[in-house]
Amino acid sequence: MLVRKMTTVTSVDKIVLASGSTGRRGILENIGLAFTVVTSDFDEASVERSSTEELVQALAQAKARAVASAQEAALVIGSDNLVVIDDERLGKPEGEAGATAMLERLGGRWHSIYNGMTVINTATGAEATGFVVTKVKFRDLSEEEIAGYVASGEPLDKAGAYGIQGKGALLVERIEGDYYGIIGMSVVLLNQLAGQVEVKIGDWLY
């Protein structure tokens, strides 16, 4: 886990999630965090980095900064996920054929999921960025299983063509690392990074 930080002590009045992801919203809701959602039209394709570690953090940082510029006294959370197999990044599939191809490639094999995160205390500009990597192994998948899962529609808007928090859980044989990082937001990393900008996540629980 890599963490970069700059620290200033102050309080914030609200927590803002800079993401429209239902998975990320669900994680924060499940831990009882009081927050609001603000998304931006940030163009992810405009960010390029040589390594996956750098890219996933740069994307999270850009998302957070795009929303933070219009927020006062807030903890803004930006997060991004990248799925990698054979040193290739898998984005969202192009239709059912793309989802089928991805799932056939993942079946019976390990892949890695990078979760990058940036938090910004907009009262001071204090910012912290880090990432976690989780490894996931799929069980062997039959053509019928893949076809059925693709037909459900769940894989079509998911990086790597599956959602472990839904029907995709049936595809997974084993994970090594942070489950919440797979869904889209490592709670451990969030708590750590928030602390680096002098915000206690525990103070914002219902």
N, C-alpha and C. Protein backbone atom coordinates (compact mmCIF):
# COMPACT_ATOMS: atom_id res chain seq x y z
N MET A 1 0.84 -1.19 0.00
CA MET A 1 0.00 0.00 0.00
C MET A 1 0.88 1.24 0.00
N LEU A 2 0.62 2.15 -0.91
CA LEU A 2 1.38 3.39 -1.01
C LEU A 2 0.50 4.55 -0.61
N VAL A 3 1.01 5.42 0.24
CA VAL A 3 0.24 6.58 0.70
C VAL A 3 1.10 7.82 0.59
N ARG A 4 0.53 8.86 -0.02
CA ARG A 4 1.19 10.15 -0.06
C ARG A 4 0.30 11.13 0.70
N LYS A 5 0.88 12.06 1.42
CA LYS A 5 0.05 12.92 2.25
C LYS A 5 0.63 14.31 2.41
N MET A 6 -0.25 15.27 2.74
CA MET A 6 0.10 16.55 3.29
C MET A 6 -0.96 16.85 4.33
N THR A 7 -0.57 17.24 5.52
CA THR A 7 -1.49 17.28 6.65
C THR A 7 -1.66 18.68 7.22
N THR A 8 -2.92 19.06 7.44
CA THR A 8 -3.27 20.30 8.13
C THR A 8 -4.45 20.01 9.03
N VAL A 9 -4.45 20.53 10.24
CA VAL A 9 -5.50 20.22 11.20
C VAL A 9 -6.66 21.19 11.04
N THR A 10 -7.83 20.66 10.82
CA THR A 10 -9.06 21.46 10.78
C THR A 10 -10.24 20.51 10.77
N SER A 11 -11.46 21.04 10.85
CA SER A 11 -12.65 20.22 10.81
C SER A 11 -13.38 20.45 9.49
N VAL A 12 -14.24 19.52 9.12
CA VAL A 12 -15.06 19.67 7.93
C VAL A 12 -16.53 19.56 8.31
N ASP A 13 -17.38 20.09 7.44
CA ASP A 13 -18.81 20.11 7.72
C ASP A 13 -19.58 19.00 7.02
N LYS A 14 -18.97 18.35 6.05
CA LYS A 14 -19.67 17.31 5.31
C LYS A 14 -18.67 16.39 4.62
N ILE A 15 -19.17 15.22 4.23
CA ILE A 15 -18.39 14.28 3.45
C ILE A 15 -19.05 14.14 2.09
N VAL A 16 -18.26 14.25 1.04
CA VAL A 16 -18.78 14.19 -0.33
C VAL A 16 -18.11 13.06 -1.09
N LEU A 17 -18.91 12.18 -1.67
CA LEU A 17 -18.40 11.10 -2.51
C LEU A 17 -18.42 11.57 -3.95
N ALA A 18 -17.24 11.65 -4.56
CA ALA A 18 -17.13 12.12 -5.94
C ALA A 18 -17.28 10.95 -6.91
N SER A 19 -18.40 10.26 -6.82
CA SER A 19 -18.63 9.08 -7.65
C SER A 19 -20.11 8.75 -7.69
N GLY A 20 -20.57 8.32 -8.86
CA GLY A 20 -21.96 7.88 -8.98
C GLY A 20 -22.09 6.38 -8.85
N SER A 21 -20.99 5.69 -8.51
CA SER A 21 -20.99 4.24 -8.41
C SER A 21 -21.93 3.74 -7.31
N THR A 22 -22.84 2.85 -7.68
CA THR A 22 -23.75 2.29 -6.68
C THR A 22 -22.98 1.42 -5.69
N GLY A 23 -21.91 0.77 -6.16
CA GLY A 23 -21.10 -0.05 -5.26
C GLY A 23 -20.45 0.78 -4.18
N ARG A 24 -19.88 1.92 -4.55
CA ARG A 24 -19.23 2.78 -3.57
C ARG A 24 -20.24 3.40 -2.61
N ARG A 25 -21.37 3.82 -3.14
CA ARG A 25 -22.42 4.36 -2.26
C ARG A 25 -22.86 3.30 -1.26
N GLY A 26 -23.02 2.08 -1.75
CA GLY A 26 -23.47 1.00 -0.88
C GLY A 26 -22.49 0.72 0.25
N ILE A 27 -21.20 0.79 -0.05
CA ILE A 27 -20.19 0.56 1.00
C ILE A 27 -20.31 1.60 2.09
N LEU A 28 -20.39 2.87 1.71
CA LEU A 28 -20.48 3.93 2.71
C LEU A 28 -21.79 3.86 3.49
N GLU A 29 -22.87 3.51 2.81
CA GLU A 29 -24.14 3.35 3.51
C GLU A 29 -24.10 2.20 4.50
N ASN A 30 -23.45 1.11 4.11
CA ASN A 30 -23.39 -0.07 4.98
C ASN A 30 -22.61 0.18 6.26
N ILE A 31 -21.59 1.06 6.21
CA ILE A 31 -20.86 1.34 7.44
C ILE A 31 -21.51 2.48 8.22
N GLY A 32 -22.61 3.02 7.68
CA GLY A 32 -23.36 4.05 8.39
C GLY A 32 -22.78 5.44 8.28
N LEU A 33 -22.11 5.74 7.17
CA LEU A 33 -21.48 7.05 7.00
C LEU A 33 -22.48 8.05 6.41
N ALA A 34 -22.53 9.23 7.01
CA ALA A 34 -23.37 10.31 6.48
C ALA A 34 -22.60 11.03 5.38
N PHE A 35 -23.15 11.03 4.17
CA PHE A 35 -22.42 11.63 3.04
C PHE A 35 -23.40 12.07 1.97
N THR A 36 -22.91 12.90 1.05
CA THR A 36 -23.66 13.28 -0.13
C THR A 36 -22.86 12.88 -1.36
N VAL A 37 -23.54 12.78 -2.50
CA VAL A 37 -22.90 12.38 -3.75
C VAL A 37 -22.86 13.57 -4.70
N VAL A 38 -21.68 13.87 -5.22
CA VAL A 38 -21.51 14.90 -6.24
C VAL A 38 -20.60 14.33 -7.32
N THR A 39 -21.07 14.24 -8.53
CA THR A 39 -20.26 13.71 -9.63
C THR A 39 -19.87 14.83 -10.58
N SER A 40 -18.88 14.56 -11.41
CA SER A 40 -18.43 15.54 -12.39
C SER A 40 -18.39 14.90 -13.77
N ASP A 41 -18.16 15.71 -14.78
CA ASP A 41 -18.05 15.18 -16.15
C ASP A 41 -16.59 14.99 -16.55
N PHE A 42 -15.76 14.73 -15.56
CA PHE A 42 -14.34 14.52 -15.79
C PHE A 42 -14.09 13.43 -16.83
N ASP A 43 -13.20 13.69 -17.77
CA ASP A 43 -12.87 12.75 -18.84
C ASP A 43 -11.71 11.85 -18.41
N GLU A 44 -12.03 10.60 -18.07
CA GLU A 44 -11.01 9.68 -17.60
C GLU A 44 -9.96 9.39 -18.68
N ALA A 45 -10.36 9.46 -19.93
CA ALA A 45 -9.43 9.17 -21.02
C ALA A 45 -8.32 10.22 -21.12
N SER A 46 -8.50 11.35 -20.44
CA SER A 46 -7.50 12.42 -20.51
C SER A 46 -6.30 12.14 -19.61
N VAL A 47 -6.40 11.11 -18.76
CA VAL A 47 -5.33 10.79 -17.82
C VAL A 47 -4.53 9.60 -18.33
N GLU A 48 -3.24 9.75 -18.44
CA GLU A 48 -2.37 8.66 -18.88
C GLU A 48 -1.18 8.53 -17.94
N ARG A 49 -0.86 7.30 -17.57
CA ARG A 49 0.31 7.03 -16.75
C ARG A 49 0.93 5.72 -17.24
N SER A 50 2.22 5.54 -16.98
CA SER A 50 2.90 4.35 -17.48
C SER A 50 2.56 3.09 -16.70
N SER A 51 2.31 3.21 -15.40
CA SER A 51 2.02 2.03 -14.58
C SER A 51 0.59 2.06 -14.07
N THR A 52 0.06 0.88 -13.77
CA THR A 52 -1.30 0.77 -13.25
C THR A 52 -1.40 1.46 -11.89
N GLU A 53 -0.37 1.30 -11.05
CA GLU A 53 -0.38 1.94 -9.74
C GLU A 53 -0.51 3.46 -9.86
N GLU A 54 0.24 4.02 -10.78
CA GLU A 54 0.19 5.47 -10.98
C GLU A 54 -1.14 5.91 -11.59
N LEU A 55 -1.63 5.13 -12.54
CA LEU A 55 -2.86 5.50 -13.23
C LEU A 55 -4.07 5.47 -12.30
N VAL A 56 -4.21 4.42 -11.50
CA VAL A 56 -5.40 4.32 -10.66
C VAL A 56 -5.42 5.42 -9.61
N GLN A 57 -4.24 5.84 -9.15
CA GLN A 57 -4.19 6.95 -8.20
C GLN A 57 -4.44 8.29 -8.88
N ALA A 58 -3.90 8.45 -10.09
CA ALA A 58 -4.12 9.69 -10.83
C ALA A 58 -5.60 9.88 -11.16
N LEU A 59 -6.29 8.81 -11.52
CA LEU A 59 -7.71 8.89 -11.82
C LEU A 59 -8.52 9.25 -10.57
N ALA A 60 -8.20 8.62 -9.45
CA ALA A 60 -8.89 8.94 -8.20
C ALA A 60 -8.64 10.40 -7.81
N GLN A 61 -7.42 10.84 -7.98
CA GLN A 61 -7.06 12.22 -7.64
C GLN A 61 -7.80 13.22 -8.52
N ALA A 62 -7.87 12.94 -9.82
CA ALA A 62 -8.55 13.84 -10.74
C ALA A 62 -10.04 13.93 -10.43
N LYS A 63 -10.65 12.80 -10.09
CA LYS A 63 -12.07 12.80 -9.73
C LYS A 63 -12.31 13.64 -8.48
N ALA A 64 -11.48 13.43 -7.47
CA ALA A 64 -11.64 14.17 -6.22
C ALA A 64 -11.44 15.67 -6.43
N ARG A 65 -10.41 16.03 -7.17
CA ARG A 65 -10.12 17.44 -7.39
C ARG A 65 -11.20 18.14 -8.20
N ALA A 66 -11.78 17.43 -9.16
CA ALA A 66 -12.83 18.02 -9.99
C ALA A 66 -14.04 18.41 -9.17
N VAL A 67 -14.34 17.64 -8.14
CA VAL A 67 -15.49 17.94 -7.28
C VAL A 67 -15.10 18.88 -6.14
N ALA A 68 -13.89 18.73 -5.62
CA ALA A 68 -13.44 19.53 -4.47
C ALA A 68 -13.42 21.02 -4.76
N SER A 69 -13.19 21.38 -6.01
CA SER A 69 -13.07 22.79 -6.35
C SER A 69 -14.33 23.58 -6.07
N ALA A 70 -15.47 22.91 -5.97
CA ALA A 70 -16.74 23.60 -5.72
C ALA A 70 -17.29 23.32 -4.33
N GLN A 71 -16.48 22.72 -3.45
CA GLN A 71 -16.94 22.37 -2.11
C GLN A 71 -16.16 23.13 -1.04
N GLU A 72 -16.86 23.56 -0.01
CA GLU A 72 -16.21 24.23 1.11
C GLU A 72 -16.31 23.37 2.36
N ALA A 73 -15.24 23.33 3.12
CA ALA A 73 -15.20 22.60 4.39
C ALA A 73 -15.76 21.19 4.27
N ALA A 74 -15.28 20.45 3.27
CA ALA A 74 -15.77 19.10 3.03
C ALA A 74 -14.60 18.12 2.93
N LEU A 75 -14.88 16.87 3.26
CA LEU A 75 -13.96 15.79 2.93
C LEU A 75 -14.47 15.18 1.64
N VAL A 76 -13.73 15.37 0.56
CA VAL A 76 -14.14 14.84 -0.75
C VAL A 76 -13.37 13.55 -1.01
N ILE A 77 -14.11 12.51 -1.42
CA ILE A 77 -13.52 11.20 -1.65
C ILE A 77 -13.62 10.85 -3.13
N GLY A 78 -12.47 10.63 -3.76
CA GLY A 78 -12.43 10.15 -5.14
C GLY A 78 -11.85 8.76 -5.17
N SER A 79 -12.42 7.88 -5.98
CA SER A 79 -11.95 6.49 -6.01
C SER A 79 -12.06 5.94 -7.42
N ASP A 80 -11.14 5.03 -7.77
CA ASP A 80 -11.18 4.42 -9.09
C ASP A 80 -10.66 2.99 -9.00
N ASN A 81 -11.15 2.14 -9.89
CA ASN A 81 -10.73 0.74 -9.94
C ASN A 81 -10.23 0.36 -11.32
N LEU A 82 -9.18 -0.45 -11.35
CA LEU A 82 -8.67 -1.01 -12.60
C LEU A 82 -8.49 -2.51 -12.43
N VAL A 83 -8.96 -3.26 -13.41
CA VAL A 83 -8.85 -4.72 -13.41
C VAL A 83 -7.72 -5.10 -14.37
N VAL A 84 -6.80 -5.94 -13.90
CA VAL A 84 -5.62 -6.27 -14.70
C VAL A 84 -5.41 -7.78 -14.77
N ILE A 85 -5.16 -8.28 -15.98
CA ILE A 85 -4.78 -9.67 -16.18
C ILE A 85 -3.76 -9.70 -17.31
N ASP A 86 -2.70 -10.48 -17.13
CA ASP A 86 -1.62 -10.58 -18.13
C ASP A 86 -1.07 -9.19 -18.47
N ASP A 87 -0.97 -8.33 -17.45
CA ASP A 87 -0.47 -6.97 -17.63
C ASP A 87 -1.35 -6.11 -18.54
N GLU A 88 -2.57 -6.54 -18.77
CA GLU A 88 -3.52 -5.76 -19.59
C GLU A 88 -4.68 -5.28 -18.72
N ARG A 89 -5.04 -4.02 -18.85
CA ARG A 89 -6.15 -3.45 -18.09
C ARG A 89 -7.48 -3.73 -18.80
N LEU A 90 -8.42 -4.24 -18.05
CA LEU A 90 -9.74 -4.54 -18.59
C LEU A 90 -10.72 -3.46 -18.13
N GLY A 91 -11.30 -2.77 -19.06
CA GLY A 91 -12.31 -1.78 -18.73
C GLY A 91 -13.69 -2.40 -18.77
N LYS A 92 -14.71 -1.57 -19.02
CA LYS A 92 -16.06 -2.10 -19.17
C LYS A 92 -16.17 -2.75 -20.54
N PRO A 93 -16.89 -3.86 -20.64
CA PRO A 93 -16.97 -4.59 -21.91
C PRO A 93 -17.80 -3.84 -22.95
N GLU A 94 -17.50 -4.11 -24.20
CA GLU A 94 -18.28 -3.55 -25.30
C GLU A 94 -19.39 -4.55 -25.66
N GLY A 95 -20.52 -4.40 -25.02
CA GLY A 95 -21.66 -5.25 -25.29
C GLY A 95 -21.50 -6.67 -24.78
N GLU A 96 -22.44 -7.52 -25.13
CA GLU A 96 -22.44 -8.90 -24.65
C GLU A 96 -21.26 -9.70 -25.17
N ALA A 97 -20.86 -9.42 -26.40
CA ALA A 97 -19.71 -10.16 -26.96
C ALA A 97 -18.44 -9.83 -26.19
N GLY A 98 -18.27 -8.56 -25.86
CA GLY A 98 -17.10 -8.16 -25.09
C GLY A 98 -17.10 -8.75 -23.70
N ALA A 99 -18.27 -8.78 -23.06
CA ALA A 99 -18.38 -9.36 -21.72
C ALA A 99 -18.06 -10.85 -21.75
N THR A 100 -18.57 -11.53 -22.76
CA THR A 100 -18.31 -12.98 -22.90
C THR A 100 -16.82 -13.25 -23.06
N ALA A 101 -16.17 -12.44 -23.89
CA ALA A 101 -14.73 -12.63 -24.11
C ALA A 101 -13.93 -12.41 -22.84
N MET A 102 -14.30 -11.38 -22.08
CA MET A 102 -13.59 -11.12 -20.82
C MET A 102 -13.77 -12.25 -19.84
N LEU A 103 -14.99 -12.74 -19.69
CA LEU A 103 -15.26 -13.79 -18.72
C LEU A 103 -14.57 -15.10 -19.12
N GLU A 104 -14.52 -15.37 -20.41
CA GLU A 104 -13.79 -16.56 -20.87
C GLU A 104 -12.31 -16.44 -20.53
N ARG A 105 -11.80 -15.25 -20.61
CA ARG A 105 -10.38 -15.03 -20.31
C ARG A 105 -10.10 -15.14 -18.81
N LEU A 106 -11.04 -14.69 -17.99
CA LEU A 106 -10.85 -14.71 -16.54
C LEU A 106 -11.11 -16.08 -15.92
N GLY A 107 -11.90 -16.90 -16.59
CA GLY A 107 -12.29 -18.19 -16.02
C GLY A 107 -11.10 -19.06 -15.64
N GLY A 108 -11.13 -19.56 -14.39
CA GLY A 108 -10.09 -20.45 -13.89
C GLY A 108 -8.76 -19.79 -13.59
N ARG A 109 -8.70 -18.47 -13.61
CA ARG A 109 -7.41 -17.77 -13.47
C ARG A 109 -7.47 -16.67 -12.41
N TRP A 110 -6.27 -16.24 -12.02
CA TRP A 110 -6.12 -15.11 -11.11
C TRP A 110 -6.05 -13.81 -11.91
N HIS A 111 -6.59 -12.74 -11.34
CA HIS A 111 -6.38 -11.40 -11.86
C HIS A 111 -6.27 -10.44 -10.69
N SER A 112 -5.87 -9.22 -10.96
CA SER A 112 -5.66 -8.23 -9.90
C SER A 112 -6.60 -7.04 -10.07
N ILE A 113 -7.06 -6.51 -8.95
CA ILE A 113 -7.90 -5.31 -8.96
C ILE A 113 -7.22 -4.24 -8.14
N TYR A 114 -6.97 -3.11 -8.79
CA TYR A 114 -6.33 -1.97 -8.15
C TYR A 114 -7.40 -0.95 -7.75
N ASN A 115 -7.43 -0.59 -6.49
CA ASN A 115 -8.35 0.44 -6.02
C ASN A 115 -7.53 1.65 -5.57
N GLY A 116 -7.65 2.74 -6.33
CA GLY A 116 -6.96 3.98 -5.97
C GLY A 116 -7.92 4.93 -5.30
N MET A 117 -7.40 5.74 -4.38
CA MET A 117 -8.27 6.66 -3.65
C MET A 117 -7.54 7.95 -3.30
N THR A 118 -8.28 9.05 -3.40
CA THR A 118 -7.79 10.35 -2.94
C THR A 118 -8.84 10.98 -2.05
N VAL A 119 -8.42 11.53 -0.94
CA VAL A 119 -9.32 12.32 -0.09
C VAL A 119 -8.75 13.73 0.02
N ILE A 120 -9.64 14.71 0.00
CA ILE A 120 -9.23 16.11 0.08
C ILE A 120 -10.04 16.81 1.15
N ASN A 121 -9.36 17.46 2.06
CA ASN A 121 -10.00 18.33 3.05
C ASN A 121 -10.05 19.72 2.42
N THR A 122 -11.21 20.11 1.92
CA THR A 122 -11.29 21.36 1.16
C THR A 122 -11.19 22.60 2.04
N ALA A 123 -11.30 22.44 3.34
CA ALA A 123 -11.13 23.59 4.23
C ALA A 123 -9.68 24.07 4.22
N THR A 124 -8.76 23.16 3.94
CA THR A 124 -7.33 23.50 3.99
C THR A 124 -6.58 23.14 2.72
N GLY A 125 -7.16 22.28 1.90
CA GLY A 125 -6.46 21.79 0.73
C GLY A 125 -5.60 20.57 1.02
N ALA A 126 -5.63 20.10 2.26
CA ALA A 126 -4.87 18.90 2.59
C ALA A 126 -5.38 17.71 1.77
N GLU A 127 -4.46 16.93 1.25
CA GLU A 127 -4.81 15.87 0.31
C GLU A 127 -3.96 14.62 0.58
N ALA A 128 -4.58 13.45 0.45
CA ALA A 128 -3.86 12.19 0.62
C ALA A 128 -4.32 11.20 -0.43
N THR A 129 -3.38 10.45 -0.97
CA THR A 129 -3.67 9.49 -2.04
C THR A 129 -2.98 8.16 -1.76
N GLY A 130 -3.65 7.07 -2.09
CA GLY A 130 -3.06 5.75 -1.92
C GLY A 130 -3.78 4.71 -2.75
N PHE A 131 -3.36 3.47 -2.66
CA PHE A 131 -4.02 2.40 -3.40
C PHE A 131 -3.83 1.07 -2.69
N VAL A 132 -4.71 0.13 -3.00
CA VAL A 132 -4.58 -1.25 -2.54
C VAL A 132 -4.77 -2.17 -3.74
N VAL A 133 -4.18 -3.36 -3.67
CA VAL A 133 -4.32 -4.35 -4.73
C VAL A 133 -4.91 -5.62 -4.14
N THR A 134 -5.95 -6.13 -4.76
CA THR A 134 -6.57 -7.37 -4.34
C THR A 134 -6.52 -8.37 -5.48
N LYS A 135 -6.16 -9.61 -5.16
CA LYS A 135 -6.11 -10.66 -6.18
C LYS A 135 -7.36 -11.52 -6.10
N VAL A 136 -7.90 -11.85 -7.26
CA VAL A 136 -9.14 -12.63 -7.34
C VAL A 136 -8.93 -13.81 -8.27
N LYS A 137 -9.37 -14.98 -7.85
CA LYS A 137 -9.30 -16.17 -8.72
C LYS A 137 -10.72 -16.63 -9.06
N PHE A 138 -11.01 -16.74 -10.34
CA PHE A 138 -12.27 -17.30 -10.79
C PHE A 138 -12.18 -18.82 -10.81
N ARG A 139 -13.29 -19.46 -10.59
CA ARG A 139 -13.34 -20.90 -10.81
C ARG A 139 -13.49 -21.15 -12.31
N ASP A 140 -13.35 -22.37 -12.72
CA ASP A 140 -13.58 -22.71 -14.13
C ASP A 140 -15.03 -22.45 -14.48
N LEU A 141 -15.26 -21.79 -15.62
CA LEU A 141 -16.62 -21.42 -16.01
C LEU A 141 -17.01 -22.12 -17.30
N SER A 142 -18.21 -22.64 -17.32
CA SER A 142 -18.72 -23.29 -18.54
C SER A 142 -19.30 -22.22 -19.46
N GLU A 143 -19.46 -22.58 -20.72
CA GLU A 143 -20.06 -21.67 -21.69
C GLU A 143 -21.47 -21.29 -21.26
N GLU A 144 -22.20 -22.25 -20.71
CA GLU A 144 -23.58 -21.99 -20.27
C GLU A 144 -23.62 -20.99 -19.12
N GLU A 145 -22.69 -21.14 -18.18
CA GLU A 145 -22.64 -20.22 -17.05
C GLU A 145 -22.33 -18.80 -17.51
N ILE A 146 -21.36 -18.69 -18.39
CA ILE A 146 -20.98 -17.37 -18.90
C ILE A 146 -22.15 -16.74 -19.66
N ALA A 147 -22.80 -17.52 -20.50
CA ALA A 147 -23.92 -17.01 -21.28
C ALA A 147 -25.06 -16.56 -20.37
N GLY A 148 -25.32 -17.32 -19.34
CA GLY A 148 -26.39 -16.96 -18.41
C GLY A 148 -26.08 -15.69 -17.65
N TYR A 149 -24.83 -15.56 -17.22
CA TYR A 149 -24.44 -14.36 -16.47
C TYR A 149 -24.48 -13.13 -17.37
N VAL A 150 -24.00 -13.26 -18.58
CA VAL A 150 -24.02 -12.14 -19.52
C VAL A 150 -25.47 -11.72 -19.81
N ALA A 151 -26.34 -12.70 -19.96
CA ALA A 151 -27.75 -12.42 -20.25
C ALA A 151 -28.44 -11.67 -19.11
N SER A 152 -27.90 -11.80 -17.90
CA SER A 152 -28.49 -11.10 -16.76
C SER A 152 -28.29 -9.59 -16.85
N GLY A 153 -27.32 -9.17 -17.66
CA GLY A 153 -27.05 -7.75 -17.83
C GLY A 153 -26.08 -7.18 -16.83
N GLU A 154 -25.79 -7.89 -15.75
CA GLU A 154 -24.93 -7.36 -14.69
C GLU A 154 -23.52 -7.04 -15.17
N PRO A 155 -22.90 -7.83 -16.05
CA PRO A 155 -21.51 -7.57 -16.42
C PRO A 155 -21.31 -6.36 -17.33
N LEU A 156 -22.36 -5.87 -17.95
CA LEU A 156 -22.21 -4.92 -19.05
C LEU A 156 -21.69 -3.55 -18.64
N ASP A 157 -21.88 -3.17 -17.39
CA ASP A 157 -21.39 -1.85 -16.95
C ASP A 157 -20.33 -1.97 -15.87
N LYS A 158 -19.65 -3.14 -15.82
CA LYS A 158 -18.65 -3.39 -14.80
C LYS A 158 -17.27 -3.59 -15.43
N ALA A 159 -16.26 -2.96 -14.86
CA ALA A 159 -14.89 -3.21 -15.30
C ALA A 159 -14.55 -4.67 -15.06
N GLY A 160 -14.02 -5.33 -16.07
CA GLY A 160 -13.73 -6.75 -15.94
C GLY A 160 -14.93 -7.63 -16.17
N ALA A 161 -16.09 -7.02 -16.42
CA ALA A 161 -17.33 -7.74 -16.76
C ALA A 161 -17.91 -8.58 -15.62
N TYR A 162 -17.71 -8.14 -14.38
CA TYR A 162 -18.41 -8.83 -13.29
C TYR A 162 -18.50 -7.92 -12.06
N GLY A 163 -19.50 -8.21 -11.22
CA GLY A 163 -19.66 -7.50 -9.96
C GLY A 163 -19.70 -8.50 -8.83
N ILE A 164 -18.69 -8.49 -7.99
CA ILE A 164 -18.58 -9.49 -6.93
C ILE A 164 -19.66 -9.30 -5.86
N GLN A 165 -20.22 -8.08 -5.77
CA GLN A 165 -21.25 -7.83 -4.78
C GLN A 165 -22.63 -8.31 -5.24
N GLY A 166 -22.70 -8.83 -6.47
CA GLY A 166 -23.96 -9.32 -7.01
C GLY A 166 -23.85 -10.76 -7.46
N LYS A 167 -24.46 -11.05 -8.61
CA LYS A 167 -24.43 -12.42 -9.14
C LYS A 167 -23.01 -12.89 -9.43
N GLY A 168 -22.12 -11.94 -9.69
CA GLY A 168 -20.73 -12.29 -9.99
C GLY A 168 -20.02 -13.00 -8.87
N ALA A 169 -20.56 -12.93 -7.66
CA ALA A 169 -19.95 -13.64 -6.53
C ALA A 169 -19.88 -15.14 -6.80
N LEU A 170 -20.80 -15.65 -7.61
CA LEU A 170 -20.82 -17.08 -7.91
C LEU A 170 -19.67 -17.51 -8.81
N LEU A 171 -18.99 -16.55 -9.42
CA LEU A 171 -17.89 -16.87 -10.32
C LEU A 171 -16.56 -17.00 -9.58
N VAL A 172 -16.51 -16.48 -8.37
CA VAL A 172 -15.25 -16.32 -7.65
C VAL A 172 -14.94 -17.54 -6.77
N GLU A 173 -13.73 -18.02 -6.90
CA GLU A 173 -13.29 -19.15 -6.08
C GLU A 173 -12.52 -18.68 -4.85
N ARG A 174 -11.73 -17.60 -5.01
CA ARG A 174 -10.87 -17.18 -3.90
C ARG A 174 -10.45 -15.73 -4.08
N ILE A 175 -10.26 -15.02 -2.98
CA ILE A 175 -9.69 -13.68 -3.04
C ILE A 175 -8.55 -13.56 -2.04
N GLU A 176 -7.58 -12.73 -2.37
CA GLU A 176 -6.48 -12.43 -1.47
C GLU A 176 -6.36 -10.91 -1.38
N GLY A 177 -6.75 -10.36 -0.24
CA GLY A 177 -6.69 -8.91 -0.09
C GLY A 177 -7.98 -8.33 0.44
N ASP A 178 -8.32 -7.15 -0.06
CA ASP A 178 -9.42 -6.34 0.48
C ASP A 178 -10.68 -6.51 -0.36
N TYR A 179 -11.69 -7.14 0.21
CA TYR A 179 -12.95 -7.36 -0.51
C TYR A 179 -13.57 -6.04 -0.96
N TYR A 180 -13.56 -5.04 -0.09
CA TYR A 180 -14.18 -3.77 -0.44
C TYR A 180 -13.41 -3.05 -1.55
N GLY A 181 -12.14 -3.34 -1.65
CA GLY A 181 -11.36 -2.79 -2.75
C GLY A 181 -11.83 -3.31 -4.10
N ILE A 182 -12.35 -4.54 -4.11
CA ILE A 182 -12.88 -5.11 -5.34
C ILE A 182 -14.14 -4.37 -5.75
N ILE A 183 -15.00 -4.08 -4.80
CA ILE A 183 -16.26 -3.40 -5.10
C ILE A 183 -16.01 -1.96 -5.56
N GLY A 184 -14.96 -1.34 -5.01
CA GLY A 184 -14.67 0.00 -5.47
C GLY A 184 -14.17 0.98 -4.43
N MET A 185 -14.10 0.55 -3.15
CA MET A 185 -13.62 1.48 -2.14
C MET A 185 -13.16 0.72 -0.90
N SER A 186 -11.86 0.66 -0.71
CA SER A 186 -11.30 0.02 0.48
C SER A 186 -11.62 0.86 1.71
N VAL A 187 -12.37 0.30 2.65
CA VAL A 187 -12.73 1.03 3.86
C VAL A 187 -11.49 1.28 4.72
N VAL A 188 -10.59 0.31 4.76
CA VAL A 188 -9.35 0.47 5.53
C VAL A 188 -8.54 1.63 4.98
N LEU A 189 -8.40 1.70 3.66
CA LEU A 189 -7.64 2.79 3.04
C LEU A 189 -8.33 4.13 3.25
N LEU A 190 -9.66 4.16 3.14
CA LEU A 190 -10.40 5.40 3.38
C LEU A 190 -10.14 5.93 4.78
N ASN A 191 -10.23 5.07 5.77
CA ASN A 191 -10.01 5.48 7.15
C ASN A 191 -8.59 6.01 7.34
N GLN A 192 -7.62 5.34 6.73
CA GLN A 192 -6.23 5.75 6.86
C GLN A 192 -5.98 7.10 6.20
N LEU A 193 -6.45 7.26 4.96
CA LEU A 193 -6.21 8.50 4.24
C LEU A 193 -6.93 9.69 4.88
N ALA A 194 -8.16 9.45 5.36
CA ALA A 194 -8.89 10.53 6.04
C ALA A 194 -8.11 11.01 7.26
N GLY A 195 -7.53 10.07 7.98
CA GLY A 195 -6.72 10.44 9.13
C GLY A 195 -5.53 11.29 8.77
N GLN A 196 -4.98 11.06 7.57
CA GLN A 196 -3.83 11.84 7.13
C GLN A 196 -4.18 13.31 6.88
N VAL A 197 -5.47 13.59 6.61
CA VAL A 197 -5.89 14.99 6.43
C VAL A 197 -6.70 15.48 7.62
N GLU A 198 -6.50 14.77 8.75
CA GLU A 198 -7.07 15.16 10.04
C GLU A 198 -8.59 15.13 10.07
N VAL A 199 -9.18 14.11 9.45
CA VAL A 199 -10.62 13.87 9.54
C VAL A 199 -10.83 12.47 10.08
N LYS A 200 -11.63 12.33 11.13
CA LYS A 200 -11.92 11.04 11.72
C LYS A 200 -13.23 10.50 11.15
N ILE A 201 -13.14 9.43 10.37
CA ILE A 201 -14.33 8.85 9.76
C ILE A 201 -15.35 8.45 10.83
N GLY A 202 -14.87 7.97 11.96
CA GLY A 202 -15.77 7.55 13.02
C GLY A 202 -16.69 8.64 13.53
N ASP A 203 -16.28 9.89 13.41
CA ASP A 203 -17.10 11.02 13.86
C ASP A 203 -18.30 11.24 12.95
N TRP A 204 -18.32 10.61 11.76
CA TRP A 204 -19.37 10.86 10.79
C TRP A 204 -20.34 9.67 10.66
N LEU A 205 -20.24 8.72 11.55
CA LEU A 205 -21.17 7.60 11.53
C LEU A 205 -22.49 8.01 12.14
N TYR A 206 -23.57 7.43 11.65
CA TYR A 206 -24.90 7.76 12.17
C TYR A 206 -25.01 7.40 13.64
